[in-house]
Amino acid sequence: MISTRGRYAIRVMLDLAENDNGSYIPLKDIAARQEISKKYLEIIVKDMVAGGLLVGASGKGGGYKLCRKPEDYTVGEILDLMEGTLSSVACLAGKVNDCPRKSVCRTLPMWEEYDHMVHDFFYGKKLTDLKSET
């Protein structure tokens, strides 16, 4: 299940893309438009800056903006940063599947196929695919 962190991160990124005017956008403005607690967003955007999705500036004229063009972001990279893993089962969550039952697990191929579908779906969605044209 995708948590509020992942969902809100997508909403922040989308808000920044839709309201981009070349300047930093104050977090209070994003919080108001998205109807999300500014305090909660502070935690989320800190991780997004550390993860290289956003750049932030403090002080007068400060706020946040995207590091790249909206079409250069995928929903998958946002979710991976915020959620850690989207793996459906624990044995596929790490980089290496070291499950002792791997060679005899009859369900593993199904979980791998499912995870590939989820990965391809989210990495196939660009931020601009969600962007409003208004």
Protein backbone atom coordinates (compact mmCIF):
# COMPACT_ATOMS: atom_id res chain seq x y z
CA MET A 1 0.00 0.00 0.00
CA ILE A 2 1.26 3.46 -0.84
CA SER A 3 1.38 5.71 2.22
CA THR A 4 0.35 9.33 2.60
CA ARG A 5 4.05 10.26 2.27
CA GLY A 6 4.14 8.87 -1.25
CA ARG A 7 0.77 10.29 -2.25
CA TYR A 8 1.51 13.72 -0.79
CA ALA A 9 4.95 13.80 -2.43
CA ILE A 10 3.30 13.31 -5.81
CA ARG A 11 0.82 16.07 -5.01
CA VAL A 12 3.66 18.44 -4.02
CA MET A 13 5.56 17.68 -7.22
CA LEU A 14 2.44 18.18 -9.30
CA ASP A 15 1.62 21.44 -7.51
CA LEU A 16 5.14 22.73 -8.18
CA ALA A 17 4.88 21.73 -11.84
CA GLU A 18 1.48 23.37 -12.31
CA ASN A 19 2.41 26.58 -10.48
CA ASP A 20 5.93 27.02 -11.81
CA ASN A 21 6.69 30.65 -12.53
CA GLY A 22 10.48 30.34 -12.33
CA SER A 23 10.54 31.39 -8.67
CA TYR A 24 10.58 29.38 -5.48
CA ILE A 25 7.09 28.51 -4.27
CA PRO A 26 6.47 28.90 -0.53
CA LEU A 27 5.49 25.70 1.26
CA LYS A 28 2.57 27.49 2.91
CA ASP A 29 1.09 28.09 -0.55
CA ILE A 30 1.47 24.45 -1.53
CA ALA A 31 -0.01 23.33 1.80
CA ALA A 32 -3.00 25.63 1.35
CA ARG A 33 -3.71 24.56 -2.22
CA GLN A 34 -3.29 20.87 -1.41
CA GLU A 35 -5.09 21.09 1.96
CA ILE A 36 -2.22 19.30 3.70
CA SER A 37 -0.64 20.26 7.01
CA LYS A 38 2.40 22.49 6.45
CA LYS A 39 4.18 20.73 9.32
CA TYR A 40 3.73 17.35 7.66
CA LEU A 41 4.85 18.74 4.30
CA GLU A 42 8.03 20.11 5.91
CA ILE A 43 9.06 16.55 6.74
CA ILE A 44 8.19 15.28 3.28
CA VAL A 45 9.93 18.03 1.29
CA LYS A 46 13.07 17.69 3.42
CA ASP A 47 13.40 14.10 2.17
CA MET A 48 12.57 15.19 -1.37
CA VAL A 49 15.36 17.80 -1.32
CA ALA A 50 17.80 15.27 0.15
CA GLY A 51 16.75 12.79 -2.55
CA GLY A 52 17.39 15.27 -5.36
CA LEU A 53 13.80 15.78 -6.49
CA LEU A 54 13.47 19.38 -5.28
CA VAL A 55 15.63 22.34 -4.46
CA GLY A 56 14.76 24.62 -1.58
CA ALA A 57 15.70 28.12 -0.49
CA SER A 58 14.99 29.76 2.84
CA GLY A 59 14.28 33.37 3.69
CA LYS A 60 12.41 36.04 1.75
CA GLY A 61 11.49 34.71 -1.68
CA GLY A 62 12.26 31.19 -0.52
CA GLY A 63 10.35 28.00 -0.99
CA TYR A 64 10.72 25.01 -3.28
CA LYS A 65 10.94 24.24 -6.95
CA LEU A 66 11.63 21.28 -9.18
CA CYS A 67 15.24 20.44 -10.05
CA ARG A 68 14.29 19.32 -13.54
CA LYS A 69 11.52 19.80 -16.07
CA PRO A 70 8.23 18.10 -15.07
CA GLU A 71 8.47 15.74 -18.06
CA ASP A 72 11.78 14.44 -16.70
CA TYR A 73 10.20 13.01 -13.52
CA THR A 74 8.44 9.68 -13.26
CA VAL A 75 5.89 8.80 -10.61
CA GLY A 76 8.00 5.69 -9.96
CA GLU A 77 11.09 7.63 -8.89
CA ILE A 78 9.00 9.79 -6.55
CA LEU A 79 7.38 6.74 -4.95
CA ASP A 80 10.67 4.84 -4.69
CA LEU A 81 12.25 7.74 -2.82
CA MET A 82 9.33 8.23 -0.47
CA GLU A 83 8.23 4.62 0.06
CA GLY A 84 11.57 2.82 -0.03
CA THR A 85 10.21 -0.15 -1.92
CA LEU A 86 7.03 -1.03 -3.70
CA SER A 87 7.75 -4.75 -3.55
CA SER A 88 4.71 -6.89 -2.97
CA VAL A 89 6.48 -9.48 -0.82
CA ALA A 90 9.39 -9.27 1.61
CA CYS A 91 11.62 -11.66 -0.32
CA LEU A 92 11.68 -9.23 -3.28
CA ALA A 93 12.15 -6.05 -1.23
CA GLY A 94 15.95 -6.17 -1.12
CA LYS A 95 18.45 -5.83 -3.93
CA VAL A 96 19.25 -9.54 -3.71
CA ASN A 97 16.63 -12.22 -3.21
CA ASP A 98 18.35 -14.47 -0.68
CA CYS A 99 15.25 -16.40 0.36
CA PRO A 100 16.20 -19.98 1.16
CA ARG A 101 13.05 -21.18 -0.62
CA LYS A 102 13.77 -19.26 -3.81
CA SER A 103 14.64 -22.35 -5.85
CA VAL A 104 11.47 -24.23 -4.84
CA CYS A 105 8.97 -21.38 -4.41
CA ARG A 106 6.18 -21.90 -6.88
CA THR A 107 4.65 -18.48 -6.17
CA LEU A 108 7.81 -16.41 -6.67
CA PRO A 109 7.36 -16.01 -10.46
CA MET A 110 3.88 -14.60 -9.88
CA TRP A 111 5.16 -12.03 -7.36
CA GLU A 112 8.03 -11.08 -9.68
CA GLU A 113 5.63 -10.59 -12.58
CA TYR A 114 3.33 -8.48 -10.43
CA ASP A 115 6.22 -6.32 -9.19
CA HIS A 116 7.42 -5.78 -12.75
CA MET A 117 3.93 -4.64 -13.79
CA VAL A 118 3.76 -2.18 -10.89
CA HIS A 119 7.27 -0.90 -11.64
CA ASP A 120 6.56 -0.47 -15.34
CA PHE A 121 3.25 1.27 -14.62
CA PHE A 122 4.69 3.87 -12.23
CA TYR A 123 7.92 4.40 -14.17
CA GLY A 124 5.85 4.78 -17.33
CA LYS A 125 3.89 7.67 -15.80
CA LYS A 126 5.51 11.08 -16.11
CA LEU A 127 4.63 13.96 -13.82
CA THR A 128 3.29 15.73 -16.92
CA ASP A 129 0.82 12.88 -17.47
CA LEU A 130 -0.91 14.04 -14.28
CA LYS A 131 -0.58 17.76 -14.89
CA SER A 132 -3.75 19.79 -15.44
CA GLU A 133 -3.98 21.68 -18.70
CA THR A 134 -5.94 24.56 -17.17
